[in-house]
C-alpha atoms as a PDB file:
ATOM      1  CA  MET A   1      99.533  53.044  82.988  1.00  0.00           C
ATOM      2  CA  THR A   2      99.859  55.814  80.415  1.00  0.00           C
ATOM      3  CA  LYS A   3     101.320  59.062  81.721  1.00  0.00           C
ATOM      4  CA  PRO A   4      98.883  62.008  81.436  1.00  0.00           C
ATOM      5  CA  THR A   5      99.648  64.443  78.653  1.00  0.00           C
ATOM      6  CA  VAL A   6     100.145  68.195  79.014  1.00  0.00           C
ATOM      7  CA  GLY A   7      99.365  70.806  76.387  1.00  0.00           C
ATOM      8  CA  VAL A   8     100.274  74.487  76.123  1.00  0.00           C
ATOM      9  CA  ILE A   9      97.921  76.956  74.470  1.00  0.00           C
ATOM     10  CA  ALA A  10      97.897  80.703  73.871  1.00  0.00           C
ATOM     11  CA  VAL A  11      95.854  83.256  71.961  1.00  0.00           C
ATOM     12  CA  CYS A  12      97.092  86.450  70.321  1.00  0.00           C
ATOM     13  CA  TRP A  13      95.059  89.379  69.031  1.00  0.00           C
ATOM     14  CA  THR A  14      97.309  92.445  69.354  1.00  0.00           C
ATOM     15  CA  TYR A  15     100.439  91.194  71.125  1.00  0.00           C
ATOM     16  CA  ASP A  16     102.255  89.858  68.058  1.00  0.00           C
ATOM     17  CA  ASP A  17     105.576  91.313  69.193  1.00  0.00           C
ATOM     18  CA  TYR A  18     105.515  89.028  72.237  1.00  0.00           C
ATOM     19  CA  ILE A  19     104.964  85.736  70.411  1.00  0.00           C
ATOM     20  CA  ALA A  20     108.680  85.069  69.868  1.00  0.00           C
ATOM     21  CA  GLY A  21     109.511  85.446  73.576  1.00  0.00           C
ATOM     22  CA  TRP A  22     106.583  83.254  74.619  1.00  0.00           C
ATOM     23  CA  ALA A  23     107.558  80.575  72.095  1.00  0.00           C
ATOM     24  CA  GLU A  24     111.193  80.658  73.204  1.00  0.00           C
ATOM     25  CA  SER A  25     110.082  80.114  76.800  1.00  0.00           C
ATOM     26  CA  VAL A  26     108.040  77.088  75.694  1.00  0.00           C
ATOM     27  CA  LYS A  27     111.110  75.772  73.875  1.00  0.00           C
ATOM     28  CA  ASN A  28     113.131  76.066  77.096  1.00  0.00           C
ATOM     29  CA  LEU A  29     110.704  74.108  79.290  1.00  0.00           C
ATOM     30  CA  THR A  30     112.481  71.191  80.946  1.00  0.00           C
ATOM     31  CA  THR A  31     109.263  69.166  80.673  1.00  0.00           C
ATOM     32  CA  GLN A  32     108.177  69.614  77.084  1.00  0.00           C
ATOM     33  CA  PRO A  33     104.448  69.810  76.290  1.00  0.00           C
ATOM     34  CA  ASP A  34     102.831  67.078  74.248  1.00  0.00           C
ATOM     35  CA  ARG A  35     101.021  69.660  72.127  1.00  0.00           C
ATOM     36  CA  VAL A  36     101.228  73.421  71.572  1.00  0.00           C
ATOM     37  CA  ILE A  37      98.323  75.408  70.123  1.00  0.00           C
ATOM     38  CA  LEU A  38      98.446  79.092  69.172  1.00  0.00           C
ATOM     39  CA  VAL A  39      95.273  80.878  68.039  1.00  0.00           C
ATOM     40  CA  CYS A  40      96.022  84.224  66.445  1.00  0.00           C
ATOM     41  CA  LYS A  41      94.817  86.870  64.027  1.00  0.00           C
ATOM     42  CA  THR A  42      97.968  86.672  61.886  1.00  0.00           C
ATOM     43  CA  ALA A  43     100.250  83.647  61.685  1.00  0.00           C
ATOM     44  CA  PRO A  44     103.843  84.323  62.810  1.00  0.00           C
ATOM     45  CA  ALA A  45     106.511  83.960  60.138  1.00  0.00           C
ATOM     46  CA  SER A  46     108.246  81.214  62.118  1.00  0.00           C
ATOM     47  CA  LEU A  47     108.373  79.666  65.568  1.00  0.00           C
ATOM     48  CA  PRO A  48     111.192  77.831  67.391  1.00  0.00           C
ATOM     49  CA  ILE A  49     108.725  75.143  68.521  1.00  0.00           C
ATOM     50  CA  ASP A  50     106.444  72.589  66.932  1.00  0.00           C
ATOM     51  CA  ALA A  51     103.080  74.300  67.269  1.00  0.00           C
ATOM     52  CA  THR A  52      99.685  74.122  65.616  1.00  0.00           C
ATOM     53  CA  VAL A  53      98.837  77.671  64.537  1.00  0.00           C
ATOM     54  CA  ILE A  54      95.166  78.501  64.010  1.00  0.00           C
ATOM     55  CA  VAL A  55      94.401  81.768  62.236  1.00  0.00           C
ATOM     56  CA  CYS A  56      91.049  82.822  63.637  1.00  0.00           C
ATOM     57  CA  GLU A  57      88.590  84.998  61.751  1.00  0.00           C
ATOM     58  CA  GLU A  58      86.009  85.116  64.543  1.00  0.00           C
ATOM     59  CA  PRO A  59      85.683  88.406  66.466  1.00  0.00           C
ATOM     60  CA  PHE A  60      88.159  88.356  69.341  1.00  0.00           C
ATOM     61  CA  THR A  61      87.115  87.505  72.859  1.00  0.00           C
ATOM     62  CA  PHE A  62      89.726  86.145  75.241  1.00  0.00           C
ATOM     63  CA  GLY A  63      87.508  83.336  76.491  1.00  0.00           C
ATOM     64  CA  GLY A  64      86.113  82.517  73.053  1.00  0.00           C
ATOM     65  CA  TRP A  65      89.530  82.129  71.480  1.00  0.00           C
ATOM     66  CA  LEU A  66      90.783  80.145  74.463  1.00  0.00           C
ATOM     67  CA  ASN A  67      87.881  77.745  73.969  1.00  0.00           C
ATOM     68  CA  ILE A  68      88.956  77.307  70.350  1.00  0.00           C
ATOM     69  CA  ALA A  69      92.511  76.556  71.480  1.00  0.00           C
ATOM     70  CA  VAL A  70      91.454  74.046  74.143  1.00  0.00           C
ATOM     71  CA  SER A  71      89.089  72.311  71.730  1.00  0.00           C
ATOM     72  CA  GLU A  72      92.088  71.665  69.460  1.00  0.00           C
ATOM     73  CA  CYS A  73      94.396  70.563  72.293  1.00  0.00           C
ATOM     74  CA  ASP A  74      93.506  66.960  73.100  1.00  0.00           C
ATOM     75  CA  THR A  75      95.750  66.595  76.154  1.00  0.00           C
ATOM     76  CA  ASP A  76      94.832  65.679  79.715  1.00  0.00           C
ATOM     77  CA  TRP A  77      96.211  68.935  81.112  1.00  0.00           C
ATOM     78  CA  ILE A  78      96.095  72.466  79.702  1.00  0.00           C
ATOM     79  CA  ALA A  79      98.559  75.248  80.579  1.00  0.00           C
ATOM     80  CA  TRP A  80      97.721  78.646  79.122  1.00  0.00           C
ATOM     81  CA  VAL A  81      99.766  81.658  80.223  1.00  0.00           C
ATOM     82  CA  CYS A  82      99.122  84.666  78.002  1.00  0.00           C
ATOM     83  CA  VAL A  83     101.269  85.162  74.927  1.00  0.00           C
ATOM     84  CA  ASP A  84     102.854  88.302  76.418  1.00  0.00           C
ATOM     85  CA  ASP A  85     104.018  86.276  79.439  1.00  0.00           C
ATOM     86  CA  THR A  86     106.899  83.803  79.561  1.00  0.00           C
ATOM     87  CA  TYR A  87     107.318  80.427  81.242  1.00  0.00           C
ATOM     88  CA  ARG A  88     110.147  79.597  83.608  1.00  0.00           C
ATOM     89  CA  PRO A  89     111.836  76.326  82.550  1.00  0.00           C
ATOM     90  CA  CYS A  90     110.346  74.452  85.536  1.00  0.00           C
ATOM     91  CA  ALA A  91     106.723  75.395  84.816  1.00  0.00           C
ATOM     92  CA  LEU A  92     105.428  72.009  83.618  1.00  0.00           C
ATOM     93  CA  ASP A  93     107.583  69.887  85.935  1.00  0.00           C
ATOM     94  CA  GLY A  94     105.374  67.569  87.985  1.00  0.00           C
ATOM     95  CA  ILE A  95     102.074  68.742  86.484  1.00  0.00           C
ATOM     96  CA  ALA A  96     101.234  65.418  84.830  1.00  0.00           C
ATOM     97  CA  GLU A  97     101.847  63.592  88.125  1.00  0.00           C
ATOM     98  CA  SER A  98      99.589  65.836  90.215  1.00  0.00           C
ATOM     99  CA  ASN A  99      96.542  64.350  91.915  1.00  0.00           C
ATOM    100  CA  ALA A 100      94.770  67.737  91.891  1.00  0.00           C
ATOM    101  CA  ASP A 101      92.506  69.126  89.178  1.00  0.00           C
ATOM    102  CA  VAL A 102      94.046  72.611  89.108  1.00  0.00           C
ATOM    103  CA  VAL A 103      97.668  73.393  89.948  1.00  0.00           C
ATOM    104  CA  ALA A 104      98.196  77.071  90.720  1.00  0.00           C
ATOM    105  CA  PHE A 105     101.358  78.563  89.267  1.00  0.00           C
ATOM    106  CA  GLY A 106     103.522  81.036  91.139  1.00  0.00           C
ATOM    107  CA  MET A 107     104.469  84.129  89.185  1.00  0.00           C
ATOM    108  CA  GLU A 108     106.815  87.111  89.096  1.00  0.00           C
ATOM    109  CA  LEU A 109     105.129  90.378  88.105  1.00  0.00           C
ATOM    110  CA  SER A 110     106.839  92.838  85.770  1.00  0.00           C
ATOM    111  CA  ALA A 111     105.351  95.648  87.905  1.00  0.00           C
ATOM    112  CA  GLY A 112     107.245  94.223  90.883  1.00  0.00           C
ATOM    113  CA  GLY A 113     106.644  91.474  93.392  1.00  0.00           C
ATOM    114  CA  THR A 114     105.986  87.753  93.411  1.00  0.00           C
ATOM    115  CA  TRP A 115     102.646  85.990  93.789  1.00  0.00           C
ATOM    116  CA  MET A 116     102.899  82.577  95.428  1.00  0.00           C
ATOM    117  CA  PRO A 117      99.267  81.470  95.850  1.00  0.00           C
ATOM    118  CA  THR A 118      97.751  79.328  98.556  1.00  0.00           C
ATOM    119  CA  VAL A 119      94.384  78.066  97.411  1.00  0.00           C
ATOM    120  CA  SER A 120      91.555  75.626  98.064  1.00  0.00           C
ATOM    121  CA  ALA A 121      88.176  75.012  96.457  1.00  0.00           C
ATOM    122  CA  GLU A 122      86.468  76.419  99.536  1.00  0.00           C
ATOM    123  CA  ALA A 123      88.445  79.649  99.309  1.00  0.00           C
ATOM    124  CA  VAL A 124      87.782  79.975  95.558  1.00  0.00           C
ATOM    125  CA  LEU A 125      84.042  79.636  96.144  1.00  0.00           C
ATOM    126  CA  GLN A 126      84.072  82.459  98.681  1.00  0.00           C
ATOM    127  CA  MET A 127      84.945  84.763  95.771  1.00  0.00           C
ATOM    128  CA  ASN A 128      86.665  87.394  97.883  1.00  0.00           C
ATOM    129  CA  ALA A 129      89.397  87.613  95.234  1.00  0.00           C
ATOM    130  CA  ASN A 130      90.724  85.795  92.180  1.00  0.00           C
ATOM    131  CA  LEU A 131      93.047  83.385  93.977  1.00  0.00           C
ATOM    132  CA  VAL A 132      94.588  81.429  91.075  1.00  0.00           C
ATOM    133  CA  PRO A 133      97.052  83.057  88.665  1.00  0.00           C
ATOM    134  CA  CYS A 134      95.835  83.237  85.077  1.00  0.00           C
ATOM    135  CA  GLY A 135      97.284  80.438  82.968  1.00  0.00           C
ATOM    136  CA  SER A 136      97.599  77.854  85.738  1.00  0.00           C
ATOM    137  CA  PRO A 137      97.235  74.259  84.475  1.00  0.00           C
ATOM    138  CA  PHE A 138      93.892  72.477  84.715  1.00  0.00           C
ATOM    139  CA  ARG A 139      92.492  69.127  83.675  1.00  0.00           C
ATOM    140  CA  ARG A 140      90.808  69.376  80.285  1.00  0.00           C
ATOM    141  CA  SER A 141      87.956  67.155  81.490  1.00  0.00           C
ATOM    142  CA  LEU A 142      86.826  70.028  83.718  1.00  0.00           C
ATOM    143  CA  TRP A 143      86.783  72.440  80.773  1.00  0.00           C
ATOM    144  CA  GLU A 144      84.554  69.984  78.912  1.00  0.00           C
ATOM    145  CA  ARG A 145      81.964  70.589  81.641  1.00  0.00           C
ATOM    146  CA  VAL A 146      82.609  74.285  82.261  1.00  0.00           C
ATOM    147  CA  PRO A 147      84.447  76.061  79.414  1.00  0.00           C
ATOM    148  CA  PHE A 148      85.620  79.665  79.410  1.00  0.00           C
ATOM    149  CA  GLN A 149      82.783  82.198  79.566  1.00  0.00           C
ATOM    150  CA  PRO A 150      83.470  85.072  77.119  1.00  0.00           C
ATOM    151  CA  GLN A 151      80.540  87.077  78.479  1.00  0.00           C
ATOM    152  CA  LEU A 152      82.369  87.340  81.805  1.00  0.00           C
ATOM    153  CA  GLY A 153      85.448  89.047  80.372  1.00  0.00           C
ATOM    154  CA  PRO A 154      87.922  90.355  81.276  1.00  0.00           C
ATOM    155  CA  TYR A 155      87.904  87.842  84.148  1.00  0.00           C
ATOM    156  CA  GLU A 156      87.231  84.637  82.247  1.00  0.00           C
ATOM    157  CA  ASP A 157      89.998  83.044  84.317  1.00  0.00           C
ATOM    158  CA  TRP A 158      88.330  83.928  87.632  1.00  0.00           C
ATOM    159  CA  ALA A 159      85.019  82.505  86.414  1.00  0.00           C
ATOM    160  CA  LEU A 160      86.798  79.344  85.239  1.00  0.00           C
ATOM    161  CA  TRP A 161      88.246  78.667  88.708  1.00  0.00           C
ATOM    162  CA  VAL A 162      84.900  79.343  90.383  1.00  0.00           C
ATOM    163  CA  GLY A 163      83.140  77.031  87.932  1.00  0.00           C
ATOM    164  CA  PHE A 164      85.683  74.281  88.536  1.00  0.00           C
ATOM    165  CA  ALA A 165      85.398  74.647  92.318  1.00  0.00           C
ATOM    166  CA  HIS A 166      81.606  74.481  91.996  1.00  0.00           C
ATOM    167  CA  LEU A 167      82.066  71.108  90.264  1.00  0.00           C
ATOM    168  CA  GLY A 168      84.111  69.871  93.230  1.00  0.00           C
ATOM    169  CA  ALA A 169      87.569  70.269  91.694  1.00  0.00           C
ATOM    170  CA  SER A 170      90.629  70.019  93.918  1.00  0.00           C
ATOM    171  CA  PHE A 171      93.362  72.672  93.904  1.00  0.00           C
ATOM    172  CA  ASP A 172      97.079  72.489  94.593  1.00  0.00           C
ATOM    173  CA  ILE A 173     100.104  74.754  94.132  1.00  0.00           C
ATOM    174  CA  THR A 174     103.550  74.254  92.658  1.00  0.00           C
ATOM    175  CA  GLY A 175     105.191  76.267  95.443  1.00  0.00           C
ATOM    176  CA  ARG A 176     107.583  77.974  93.039  1.00  0.00           C
ATOM    177  CA  VAL A 177     107.712  80.763  90.451  1.00  0.00           C
ATOM    178  CA  ASP A 178     106.573  79.253  87.144  1.00  0.00           C
ATOM    179  CA  PHE A 179     106.142  82.234  84.841  1.00  0.00           C
ATOM    180  CA  ASP A 180     106.766  85.935  84.422  1.00  0.00           C
ATOM    181  CA  TYR A 181     103.619  88.042  84.159  1.00  0.00           C
ATOM    182  CA  ARG A 182     103.723  91.199  82.084  1.00  0.00           C
ATOM    183  CA  TRP A 183     101.706  94.066  83.521  1.00  0.00           C
ATOM    184  CA  HIS A 184     100.049  96.515  81.096  1.00  0.00           C
ATOM    185  CA  GLU A 185      98.399  99.855  81.801  1.00  0.00           C
ATOM    186  CA  ASP A 186      95.049  98.368  80.774  1.00  0.00           C
ATOM    187  CA  THR A 187      95.413  95.242  82.937  1.00  0.00           C
ATOM    188  CA  PRO A 188      92.013  94.909  84.671  1.00  0.00           C
ATOM    189  CA  THR A 189      91.915  95.517  88.412  1.00  0.00           C
ATOM    190  CA  ALA A 190      88.266  96.315  89.269  1.00  0.00           C
ATOM    191  CA  LEU A 191      86.910  93.086  90.771  1.00  0.00           C
ATOM    192  CA  GLU A 192      83.535  93.890  92.287  1.00  0.00           C
ATOM    193  CA  PRO A 193      81.312  94.252  89.163  1.00  0.00           C
ATOM    194  CA  LEU A 194      82.680  90.994  87.744  1.00  0.00           C
ATOM    195  CA  ARG A 195      82.344  89.265  91.104  1.00  0.00           C
ATOM    196  CA  THR A 196      78.608  89.935  91.038  1.00  0.00           C
ATOM    197  CA  GLN A 197      78.263  88.658  87.456  1.00  0.00           C
ATOM    198  CA  ILE A 198      80.259  85.508  88.198  1.00  0.00           C
ATOM    199  CA  MET A 199      78.149  84.808  91.292  1.00  0.00           C
ATOM    200  CA  GLU A 200      74.983  85.072  89.228  1.00  0.00           C
ATOM    201  CA  TRP A 201      76.450  82.841  86.521  1.00  0.00           C
ATOM    202  CA  VAL A 202      77.669  80.082  88.864  1.00  0.00           C
ATOM    203  CA  ARG A 203      74.250  79.862  90.546  1.00  0.00           C
ATOM    204  CA  GLY A 204      72.895  78.633  87.222  1.00  0.00           C
ATOM    205  CA  LEU A 205      75.367  75.754  86.851  1.00  0.00           C
END
């Protein structure tokens, strides 16, 4: 039986200065990805990894560019932490062997603290909060049914998890810290307006 493949994707509009650190963290993964896709406005001069770089001329939306990246990444699993974040070496260990459909990463926040999620499809569907860290690996076959929704930005990740749970996806956790999350002053925190929009969207699935 062929072992499932794992791909790493990222998109970059204004965070060019972070690409090198992200790429170095991909290079240091103990389980190397089968493919790496970077969608960006300007191609980096060089990368320490073998990556497919797509220079995108479409207007930037986080979800729209992520859909471009996933469409080019023909692996069974997709991991997608943001380009300003960095993977811990263990991040992809055991992902290909998981029986779940989504495996929630644990993360260390630059603003302080660690998020070690506990999650189930039932809890995701309650929509009391976004329970899965952005960038956590998912099976690409789910994305083929429910891709990222750019109109629901800046919480395309929250909508993705809700859409997957609506399809009956199963969720698991790694139980460890898998990446370092960089907090910015403009990092979105207001959940309620997006919660209402996501609820309306998922009813139409």
